[in-house]
């Protein structure tokens, strides 16, 4: 598949999504889940085709979007780490000088 065919497929899919929205079918949850991965994939294709600036930009935006979706998990892990660190402070070395 060459670049024009890939761009054509992407444009047809994007137009189809817009048409479904006008009809009243919402694919927003599904689209918002897969869009960052699509951006990362297109960025990898851009890097493969020596389009370093646009490829890197698409990968960075995709990763940032994924990180935004996973912020709850990241905050939970940080909270658990802080709690464990605090407990280890209580149970730390109790040296008497």
PDB file of N, CA and C in Angstrom:
ATOM      1  N   UNK A   1       0.853  -1.173   0.000  1.00  0.00           N
ATOM      2  CA  UNK A   1       0.000   0.000   0.000  1.00  0.00           C
ATOM      3  C   UNK A   1       0.902   1.241   0.000  1.00  0.00           C
ATOM      4  N   UNK A   2       0.692   2.118  -0.968  1.00  0.00           N
ATOM      5  CA  UNK A   2       1.530   3.317  -1.008  1.00  0.00           C
ATOM      6  C   UNK A   2       0.925   4.428  -0.150  1.00  0.00           C
ATOM      7  N   UNK A   3       1.623   5.543  -0.084  1.00  0.00           N
ATOM      8  CA  UNK A   3       1.206   6.632   0.812  1.00  0.00           C
ATOM      9  C   UNK A   3      -0.131   7.237   0.419  1.00  0.00           C
ATOM     10  N   UNK A   4      -0.391   7.361  -0.899  1.00  0.00           N
ATOM     11  CA  UNK A   4      -1.666   7.953  -1.324  1.00  0.00           C
ATOM     12  C   UNK A   4      -2.840   7.053  -0.961  1.00  0.00           C
ATOM     13  N   UNK A   5      -2.657   5.761  -1.072  1.00  0.00           N
ATOM     14  CA  UNK A   5      -3.729   4.836  -0.711  1.00  0.00           C
ATOM     15  C   UNK A   5      -4.003   4.896   0.784  1.00  0.00           C
ATOM     16  N   UNK A   6      -2.937   4.940   1.580  1.00  0.00           N
ATOM     17  CA  UNK A   6      -3.096   5.021   3.029  1.00  0.00           C
ATOM     18  C   UNK A   6      -3.797   6.319   3.428  1.00  0.00           C
ATOM     19  N   UNK A   7      -3.412   7.420   2.808  1.00  0.00           N
ATOM     20  CA  UNK A   7      -4.070   8.698   3.084  1.00  0.00           C
ATOM     21  C   UNK A   7      -5.531   8.656   2.661  1.00  0.00           C
ATOM     22  N   UNK A   8      -5.810   8.025   1.514  1.00  0.00           N
ATOM     23  CA  UNK A   8      -7.197   7.891   1.051  1.00  0.00           C
ATOM     24  C   UNK A   8      -8.051   7.098   2.018  1.00  0.00           C
ATOM     25  N   UNK A   9      -7.504   6.007   2.535  1.00  0.00           N
ATOM     26  CA  UNK A   9      -8.238   5.189   3.511  1.00  0.00           C
ATOM     27  C   UNK A   9      -8.504   5.991   4.780  1.00  0.00           C
ATOM     28  N   UNK A  10      -7.491   6.745   5.237  1.00  0.00           N
ATOM     29  CA  UNK A  10      -7.662   7.553   6.443  1.00  0.00           C
ATOM     30  C   UNK A  10      -8.739   8.617   6.231  1.00  0.00           C
ATOM     31  N   UNK A  11      -8.741   9.257   5.069  1.00  0.00           N
ATOM     32  CA  UNK A  11      -9.748  10.287   4.803  1.00  0.00           C
ATOM     33  C   UNK A  11     -11.149   9.704   4.707  1.00  0.00           C
ATOM     34  N   UNK A  12     -11.275   8.531   4.097  1.00  0.00           N
ATOM     35  CA  UNK A  12     -12.592   7.883   4.006  1.00  0.00           C
ATOM     36  C   UNK A  12     -13.099   7.512   5.398  1.00  0.00           C
ATOM     37  N   UNK A  13     -12.222   6.974   6.237  1.00  0.00           N
ATOM     38  CA  UNK A  13     -12.633   6.627   7.606  1.00  0.00           C
ATOM     39  C   UNK A  13     -13.026   7.859   8.411  1.00  0.00           C
ATOM     40  N   UNK A  14     -12.270   8.927   8.255  1.00  0.00           N
ATOM     41  CA  UNK A  14     -12.593  10.165   8.963  1.00  0.00           C
ATOM     42  C   UNK A  14     -13.929  10.737   8.488  1.00  0.00           C
ATOM     43  N   UNK A  15     -14.154  10.728   7.193  1.00  0.00           N
ATOM     44  CA  UNK A  15     -15.436  11.181   6.652  1.00  0.00           C
ATOM     45  C   UNK A  15     -16.591  10.314   7.121  1.00  0.00           C
ATOM     46  N   UNK A  16     -16.349   9.008   7.204  1.00  0.00           N
ATOM     47  CA  UNK A  16     -17.381   8.096   7.707  1.00  0.00           C
ATOM     48  C   UNK A  16     -17.733   8.380   9.149  1.00  0.00           C
ATOM     49  N   UNK A  17     -16.717   8.701   9.956  1.00  0.00           N
ATOM     50  CA  UNK A  17     -16.984   9.052  11.359  1.00  0.00           C
ATOM     51  C   UNK A  17     -17.813  10.325  11.456  1.00  0.00           C
ATOM     52  N   UNK A  18     -17.493  11.308  10.616  1.00  0.00           N
ATOM     53  CA  UNK A  18     -18.286  12.549  10.620  1.00  0.00           C
ATOM     54  C   UNK A  18     -19.732  12.272  10.195  1.00  0.00           C
ATOM     55  N   UNK A  19     -19.923  11.409   9.194  1.00  0.00           N
ATOM     56  CA  UNK A  19     -21.278  11.084   8.734  1.00  0.00           C
ATOM     57  C   UNK A  19     -22.059  10.357   9.826  1.00  0.00           C
ATOM     58  N   UNK A  20     -21.417   9.444  10.535  1.00  0.00           N
ATOM     59  CA  UNK A  20     -22.099   8.748  11.625  1.00  0.00           C
ATOM     60  C   UNK A  20     -22.511   9.714  12.727  1.00  0.00           C
ATOM     61  N   UNK A  21     -21.683  10.715  12.979  1.00  0.00           N
ATOM     62  CA  UNK A  21     -22.045  11.703  14.001  1.00  0.00           C
ATOM     63  C   UNK A  21     -23.270  12.492  13.577  1.00  0.00           C
ATOM     64  N   UNK A  22     -23.349  12.855  12.313  1.00  0.00           N
ATOM     65  CA  UNK A  22     -24.514  13.599  11.822  1.00  0.00           C
ATOM     66  C   UNK A  22     -25.774  12.747  11.927  1.00  0.00           C
ATOM     67  N   UNK A  23     -25.646  11.466  11.659  1.00  0.00           N
ATOM     68  CA  UNK A  23     -26.788  10.557  11.751  1.00  0.00           C
ATOM     69  C   UNK A  23     -27.220  10.369  13.200  1.00  0.00           C
ATOM     70  N   UNK A  24     -26.283  10.459  14.124  1.00  0.00           N
ATOM     71  CA  UNK A  24     -26.617  10.322  15.535  1.00  0.00           C
ATOM     72  C   UNK A  24     -25.931   9.163  16.221  1.00  0.00           C
ATOM     73  N   UNK A  25     -25.082   8.463  15.505  1.00  0.00           N
ATOM     74  CA  UNK A  25     -24.338   7.348  16.087  1.00  0.00           C
ATOM     75  C   UNK A  25     -23.035   7.899  16.652  1.00  0.00           C
ATOM     76  N   UNK A  26     -22.805   7.664  17.916  1.00  0.00           N
ATOM     77  CA  UNK A  26     -21.604   8.196  18.554  1.00  0.00           C
ATOM     78  C   UNK A  26     -20.591   7.082  18.788  1.00  0.00           C
ATOM     79  N   UNK A  27     -19.449   7.248  18.180  1.00  0.00           N
ATOM     80  CA  UNK A  27     -18.350   6.317  18.396  1.00  0.00           C
ATOM     81  C   UNK A  27     -17.239   6.974  19.207  1.00  0.00           C
ATOM     82  N   UNK A  28     -17.594   8.016  19.938  1.00  0.00           N
ATOM     83  CA  UNK A  28     -16.590   8.786  20.682  1.00  0.00           C
ATOM     84  C   UNK A  28     -15.808   7.943  21.687  1.00  0.00           C
ATOM     85  N   UNK A  29     -16.460   7.102  22.488  1.00  0.00           N
ATOM     86  CA  UNK A  29     -15.654   6.318  23.437  1.00  0.00           C
ATOM     87  C   UNK A  29     -14.650   5.397  22.738  1.00  0.00           C
ATOM     88  N   UNK A  30     -15.086   4.775  21.657  1.00  0.00           N
ATOM     89  CA  UNK A  30     -14.200   3.885  20.916  1.00  0.00           C
ATOM     90  C   UNK A  30     -13.089   4.664  20.224  1.00  0.00           C
ATOM     91  N   UNK A  31     -13.442   5.780  19.626  1.00  0.00           N
ATOM     92  CA  UNK A  31     -12.458   6.605  18.928  1.00  0.00           C
ATOM     93  C   UNK A  31     -11.444   7.184  19.899  1.00  0.00           C
ATOM     94  N   UNK A  32     -11.905   7.655  21.042  1.00  0.00           N
ATOM     95  CA  UNK A  32     -10.970   8.247  21.997  1.00  0.00           C
ATOM     96  C   UNK A  32     -10.039   7.201  22.592  1.00  0.00           C
ATOM     97  N   UNK A  33     -10.437   5.948  22.575  1.00  0.00           N
ATOM     98  CA  UNK A  33      -9.575   4.888  23.075  1.00  0.00           C
ATOM     99  C   UNK A  33      -8.476   4.539  22.074  1.00  0.00           C
ATOM    100  N   UNK A  34      -8.826   4.450  20.787  1.00  0.00           N
ATOM    101  CA  UNK A  34      -7.875   3.999  19.782  1.00  0.00           C
ATOM    102  C   UNK A  34      -7.086   5.116  19.110  1.00  0.00           C
ATOM    103  N   UNK A  35      -7.555   6.351  19.172  1.00  0.00           N
ATOM    104  CA  UNK A  35      -6.903   7.446  18.455  1.00  0.00           C
ATOM    105  C   UNK A  35      -5.441   7.651  18.844  1.00  0.00           C
ATOM    106  N   UNK A  36      -5.072   7.606  20.135  1.00  0.00           N
ATOM    107  CA  UNK A  36      -3.647   7.755  20.457  1.00  0.00           C
ATOM    108  C   UNK A  36      -2.775   6.674  19.832  1.00  0.00           C
ATOM    109  N   UNK A  37      -3.277   5.456  19.769  1.00  0.00           N
ATOM    110  CA  UNK A  37      -2.510   4.376  19.162  1.00  0.00           C
ATOM    111  C   UNK A  37      -2.399   4.560  17.649  1.00  0.00           C
ATOM    112  N   UNK A  38      -3.453   5.102  17.049  1.00  0.00           N
ATOM    113  CA  UNK A  38      -3.399   5.409  15.620  1.00  0.00           C
ATOM    114  C   UNK A  38      -2.352   6.485  15.362  1.00  0.00           C
ATOM    115  N   UNK A  39      -2.317   7.511  16.213  1.00  0.00           N
ATOM    116  CA  UNK A  39      -1.303   8.558  16.055  1.00  0.00           C
ATOM    117  C   UNK A  39       0.105   8.000  16.185  1.00  0.00           C
ATOM    118  N   UNK A  40       0.322   7.123  17.158  1.00  0.00           N
ATOM    119  CA  UNK A  40       1.647   6.529  17.336  1.00  0.00           C
ATOM    120  C   UNK A  40       2.017   5.687  16.118  1.00  0.00           C
ATOM    121  N   UNK A  41       1.070   4.945  15.604  1.00  0.00           N
ATOM    122  CA  UNK A  41       1.329   4.137  14.401  1.00  0.00           C
ATOM    123  C   UNK A  41       1.646   4.997  13.185  1.00  0.00           C
ATOM    124  N   UNK A  42       0.884   6.077  12.992  1.00  0.00           N
ATOM    125  CA  UNK A  42       1.170   6.976  11.874  1.00  0.00           C
ATOM    126  C   UNK A  42       2.504   7.690  12.066  1.00  0.00           C
ATOM    127  N   UNK A  43       2.855   7.991  13.310  1.00  0.00           N
ATOM    128  CA  UNK A  43       4.154   8.589  13.584  1.00  0.00           C
ATOM    129  C   UNK A  43       5.291   7.636  13.253  1.00  0.00           C
ATOM    130  N   UNK A  44       5.098   6.351  13.546  1.00  0.00           N
ATOM    131  CA  UNK A  44       6.112   5.352  13.208  1.00  0.00           C
ATOM    132  C   UNK A  44       6.261   5.233  11.692  1.00  0.00           C
ATOM    133  N   UNK A  45       5.140   5.308  10.969  1.00  0.00           N
ATOM    134  CA  UNK A  45       5.205   5.294   9.503  1.00  0.00           C
ATOM    135  C   UNK A  45       5.940   6.533   8.998  1.00  0.00           C
ATOM    136  N   UNK A  46       5.690   7.682   9.627  1.00  0.00           N
ATOM    137  CA  UNK A  46       6.398   8.902   9.244  1.00  0.00           C
ATOM    138  C   UNK A  46       7.892   8.791   9.486  1.00  0.00           C
ATOM    139  N   UNK A  47       8.281   8.207  10.613  1.00  0.00           N
ATOM    140  CA  UNK A  47       9.706   8.011  10.882  1.00  0.00           C
ATOM    141  C   UNK A  47      10.334   7.047   9.879  1.00  0.00           C
ATOM    142  N   UNK A  48       9.587   6.027   9.503  1.00  0.00           N
ATOM    143  CA  UNK A  48      10.082   5.054   8.534  1.00  0.00           C
ATOM    144  C   UNK A  48      10.303   5.709   7.173  1.00  0.00           C
ATOM    145  N   UNK A  49       9.478   6.690   6.843  1.00  0.00           N
ATOM    146  CA  UNK A  49       9.577   7.372   5.554  1.00  0.00           C
ATOM    147  C   UNK A  49      10.426   8.638   5.621  1.00  0.00           C
ATOM    148  N   UNK A  50      11.287   8.729   6.635  1.00  0.00           N
ATOM    149  CA  UNK A  50      12.218   9.857   6.809  1.00  0.00           C
ATOM    150  C   UNK A  50      11.524  11.201   6.997  1.00  0.00           C
ATOM    151  N   UNK A  51      10.343  11.202   7.557  1.00  0.00           N
ATOM    152  CA  UNK A  51       9.643  12.430   7.943  1.00  0.00           C
ATOM    153  C   UNK A  51       9.789  12.548   9.456  1.00  0.00           C
ATOM    154  N   UNK A  52      10.997  12.904   9.893  1.00  0.00           N
ATOM    155  CA  UNK A  52      11.331  12.837  11.314  1.00  0.00           C
ATOM    156  C   UNK A  52      10.527  13.816  12.160  1.00  0.00           C
ATOM    157  N   UNK A  53      10.322  15.037  11.682  1.00  0.00           N
ATOM    158  CA  UNK A  53       9.621  16.030  12.492  1.00  0.00           C
ATOM    159  C   UNK A  53       8.169  15.625  12.726  1.00  0.00           C
ATOM    160  N   UNK A  54       7.445  15.327  11.648  1.00  0.00           N
ATOM    161  CA  UNK A  54       6.024  15.003  11.803  1.00  0.00           C
ATOM    162  C   UNK A  54       5.845  13.651  12.493  1.00  0.00           C
ATOM    163  N   UNK A  55       6.741  12.698  12.227  1.00  0.00           N
ATOM    164  CA  UNK A  55       6.652  11.399  12.887  1.00  0.00           C
ATOM    165  C   UNK A  55       6.866  11.508  14.382  1.00  0.00           C
ATOM    166  N   UNK A  56       7.888  12.261  14.765  1.00  0.00           N
ATOM    167  CA  UNK A  56       8.160  12.445  16.190  1.00  0.00           C
ATOM    168  C   UNK A  56       7.030  13.206  16.866  1.00  0.00           C
ATOM    169  N   UNK A  57       6.512  14.230  16.194  1.00  0.00           N
ATOM    170  CA  UNK A  57       5.420  15.019  16.772  1.00  0.00           C
ATOM    171  C   UNK A  57       4.177  14.153  16.997  1.00  0.00           C
ATOM    172  N   UNK A  58       3.855  13.302  16.031  1.00  0.00           N
ATOM    173  CA  UNK A  58       2.671  12.451  16.184  1.00  0.00           C
ATOM    174  C   UNK A  58       2.868  11.430  17.305  1.00  0.00           C
ATOM    175  N   UNK A  59       4.060  10.884  17.423  1.00  0.00           N
ATOM    176  CA  UNK A  59       4.328   9.925  18.493  1.00  0.00           C
ATOM    177  C   UNK A  59       4.235  10.610  19.854  1.00  0.00           C
ATOM    178  N   UNK A  60       4.807  11.815  19.973  1.00  0.00           N
ATOM    179  CA  UNK A  60       4.766  12.534  21.252  1.00  0.00           C
ATOM    180  C   UNK A  60       3.327  12.864  21.639  1.00  0.00           C
ATOM    181  N   UNK A  61       2.536  13.330  20.679  1.00  0.00           N
ATOM    182  CA  UNK A  61       1.132  13.659  20.974  1.00  0.00           C
ATOM    183  C   UNK A  61       0.365  12.398  21.369  1.00  0.00           C
ATOM    184  N   UNK A  62       0.600  11.292  20.676  1.00  0.00           N
ATOM    185  CA  UNK A  62      -0.070  10.037  21.018  1.00  0.00           C
ATOM    186  C   UNK A  62       0.282   9.553  22.414  1.00  0.00           C
ATOM    187  N   UNK A  63       1.567   9.629  22.760  1.00  0.00           N
ATOM    188  CA  UNK A  63       1.998   9.195  24.094  1.00  0.00           C
ATOM    189  C   UNK A  63       1.399  10.103  25.168  1.00  0.00           C
ATOM    190  N   UNK A  64       1.372  11.412  24.907  1.00  0.00           N
ATOM    191  CA  UNK A  64       0.771  12.331  25.881  1.00  0.00           C
ATOM    192  C   UNK A  64      -0.719  12.049  26.070  1.00  0.00           C
ATOM    193  N   UNK A  65      -1.403  11.697  24.982  1.00  0.00           N
ATOM    194  CA  UNK A  65      -2.827  11.370  25.095  1.00  0.00           C
ATOM    195  C   UNK A  65      -3.033  10.096  25.908  1.00  0.00           C
ATOM    196  N   UNK A  66      -2.169   9.117  25.709  1.00  0.00           N
ATOM    197  CA  UNK A  66      -2.278   7.877  26.494  1.00  0.00           C
ATOM    198  C   UNK A  66      -1.994   8.159  27.966  1.00  0.00           C
ATOM    199  N   UNK A  67      -0.977   8.988  28.223  1.00  0.00           N
ATOM    200  CA  UNK A  67      -0.661   9.321  29.616  1.00  0.00           C
ATOM    201  C   UNK A  67      -1.818  10.064  30.276  1.00  0.00           C
ATOM    202  N   UNK A  68      -2.517  10.908  29.518  1.00  0.00           N
ATOM    203  CA  UNK A  68      -3.663  11.618  30.077  1.00  0.00           C
ATOM    204  C   UNK A  68      -4.790  10.648  30.434  1.00  0.00           C
ATOM    205  N   UNK A  69      -4.953   9.611  29.630  1.00  0.00           N
ATOM    206  CA  UNK A  69      -5.988   8.625  29.933  1.00  0.00           C
ATOM    207  C   UNK A  69      -5.622   7.752  31.124  1.00  0.00           C
ATOM    208  N   UNK A  70      -4.330   7.578  31.365  1.00  0.00           N
ATOM    209  CA  UNK A  70      -3.884   6.716  32.452  1.00  0.00           C
ATOM    210  C   UNK A  70      -3.517   7.492  33.711  1.00  0.00           C
ATOM    211  N   UNK A  71      -3.903   8.761  33.793  1.00  0.00           N
ATOM    212  CA  UNK A  71      -3.491   9.571  34.940  1.00  0.00           C
ATOM    213  C   UNK A  71      -4.042   9.027  36.256  1.00  0.00           C
ATOM    214  N   UNK A  72      -5.205   8.413  36.240  1.00  0.00           N
ATOM    215  CA  UNK A  72      -5.768   7.845  37.466  1.00  0.00           C
ATOM    216  C   UNK A  72      -4.918   6.710  38.001  1.00  0.00           C
ATOM    217  N   UNK A  73      -4.446   5.861  37.095  1.00  0.00           N
ATOM    218  CA  UNK A  73      -3.603   4.741  37.509  1.00  0.00           C
ATOM    219  C   UNK A  73      -2.262   5.251  38.026  1.00  0.00           C
ATOM    220  N   UNK A  74      -1.699   6.258  37.343  1.00  0.00           N
ATOM    221  CA  UNK A  74      -0.419   6.824  37.765  1.00  0.00           C
ATOM    222  C   UNK A  74      -0.558   7.447  39.153  1.00  0.00           C
ATOM    223  N   UNK A  75      -1.643   8.176  39.388  1.00  0.00           N
ATOM    224  CA  UNK A  75      -1.853   8.775  40.703  1.00  0.00           C
ATOM    225  C   UNK A  75      -2.051   7.718  41.783  1.00  0.00           C
ATOM    226  N   UNK A  76      -2.732   6.634  41.455  1.00  0.00           N
ATOM    227  CA  UNK A  76      -2.915   5.547  42.424  1.00  0.00           C
ATOM    228  C   UNK A  76      -1.579   4.915  42.789  1.00  0.00           C
ATOM    229  N   UNK A  77      -0.735   4.662  41.806  1.00  0.00           N
ATOM    230  CA  UNK A  77       0.585   4.085  42.074  1.00  0.00           C
ATOM    231  C   UNK A  77       1.422   5.046  42.913  1.00  0.00           C
ATOM    232  N   UNK A  78       1.352   6.353  42.598  1.00  0.00           N
ATOM    233  CA  UNK A  78       2.099   7.349  43.380  1.00  0.00           C
ATOM    234  C   UNK A  78       1.600   7.387  44.827  1.00  0.00           C
ATOM    235  N   UNK A  79       0.285   7.305  45.020  1.00  0.00           N
ATOM    236  CA  UNK A  79      -0.268   7.316  46.379  1.00  0.00           C
ATOM    237  C   UNK A  79       0.183   6.095  47.164  1.00  0.00           C
ATOM    238  N   UNK A  80       0.177   4.935  46.531  1.00  0.00           N
ATOM    239  CA  UNK A  80       0.625   3.715  47.212  1.00  0.00           C
ATOM    240  C   UNK A  80       2.104   3.822  47.563  1.00  0.00           C
ATOM    241  N   UNK A  81       2.905   4.378  46.652  1.00  0.00           N
ATOM    242  CA  UNK A  81       4.338   4.539  46.920  1.00  0.00           C
ATOM    243  C   UNK A  81       4.575   5.491  48.086  1.00  0.00           C
ATOM    244  N   UNK A  82       3.809   6.584  48.154  1.00  0.00           N
ATOM    245  CA  UNK A  82       3.959   7.530  49.262  1.00  0.00           C
ATOM    246  C   UNK A  82       3.560   6.900  50.591  1.00  0.00           C
ATOM    247  N   UNK A  83       2.499   6.118  50.589  1.00  0.00           N
ATOM    248  CA  UNK A  83       2.067   5.437  51.808  1.00  0.00           C
ATOM    249  C   UNK A  83       3.134   4.446  52.259  1.00  0.00           C
ATOM    250  N   UNK A  84       3.673   3.667  51.316  1.00  0.00           N
ATOM    251  CA  UNK A  84       4.715   2.702  51.667  1.00  0.00           C
ATOM    252  C   UNK A  84       5.955   3.408  52.185  1.00  0.00           C
ATOM    253  N   UNK A  85       6.315   4.524  51.596  1.00  0.00           N
ATOM    254  CA  UNK A  85       7.477   5.289  52.047  1.00  0.00           C
ATOM    255  C   UNK A  85       7.251   5.815  53.462  1.00  0.00           C
ATOM    256  N   UNK A  86       6.044   6.323  53.733  1.00  0.00           N
ATOM    257  CA  UNK A  86       5.718   6.811  55.070  1.00  0.00           C
ATOM    258  C   UNK A  86       5.756   5.707  56.104  1.00  0.00           C
ATOM    259  N   UNK A  87       5.235   4.541  55.783  1.00  0.00           N
ATOM    260  CA  UNK A  87       5.265   3.407  56.712  1.00  0.00           C
ATOM    261  C   UNK A  87       6.700   2.967  56.961  1.00  0.00           C
ATOM    262  N   UNK A  88       7.520   2.988  55.923  1.00  0.00           N
ATOM    263  CA  UNK A  88       8.920   2.599  56.119  1.00  0.00           C
ATOM    264  C   UNK A  88       9.646   3.604  57.005  1.00  0.00           C
ATOM    265  N   UNK A  89       9.201   4.855  57.015  1.00  0.00           N
ATOM    266  CA  UNK A  89       9.795   5.853  57.908  1.00  0.00           C
ATOM    267  C   UNK A  89       9.479   5.526  59.365  1.00  0.00           C
ATOM    268  N   UNK A  90       8.262   5.009  59.620  1.00  0.00           N
ATOM    269  CA  UNK A  90       7.902   4.619  60.981  1.00  0.00           C
ATOM    270  C   UNK A  90       8.719   3.424  61.449  1.00  0.00           C
ATOM    271  N   UNK A  91       8.923   2.493  60.564  1.00  0.00           N
ATOM    272  CA  UNK A  91       9.598   1.240  60.904  1.00  0.00           C
ATOM    273  C   UNK A  91      11.095   1.282  60.586  1.00  0.00           C
ATOM    274  N   UNK A  92      11.641   2.445  60.350  1.00  0.00           N
ATOM    275  CA  UNK A  92      13.042   2.568  59.973  1.00  0.00           C
ATOM    276  C   UNK A  92      13.977   2.208  61.105  1.00  0.00           C
ATOM    277  N   UNK A  93      15.248   2.425  60.867  1.00  0.00           N
ATOM    278  CA  UNK A  93      16.265   2.124  61.890  1.00  0.00           C
ATOM    279  C   UNK A  93      16.071   3.043  63.095  1.00  0.00           C
ATOM    280  N   UNK A  94      15.936   2.431  64.247  1.00  0.00           N
ATOM    281  CA  UNK A  94      15.767   3.210  65.484  1.00  0.00           C
ATOM    282  C   UNK A  94      17.067   3.113  66.268  1.00  0.00           C
ATOM    283  N   UNK A  95      17.997   3.960  65.903  1.00  0.00           N
ATOM    284  CA  UNK A  95      19.311   3.963  66.557  1.00  0.00           C
ATOM    285  C   UNK A  95      19.304   4.949  67.711  1.00  0.00           C
ATOM    286  N   UNK A  96      19.932   4.551  68.769  1.00  0.00           N
ATOM    287  CA  UNK A  96      20.068   5.431  69.926  1.00  0.00           C
ATOM    288  C   UNK A  96      21.532   5.839  70.001  1.00  0.00           C
ATOM    289  N   UNK A  97      21.777   7.135  70.010  1.00  0.00           N
ATOM    290  CA  UNK A  97      23.160   7.620  70.062  1.00  0.00           C
ATOM    291  C   UNK A  97      23.476   8.156  71.438  1.00  0.00           C
TER     292      UNK A  97
END
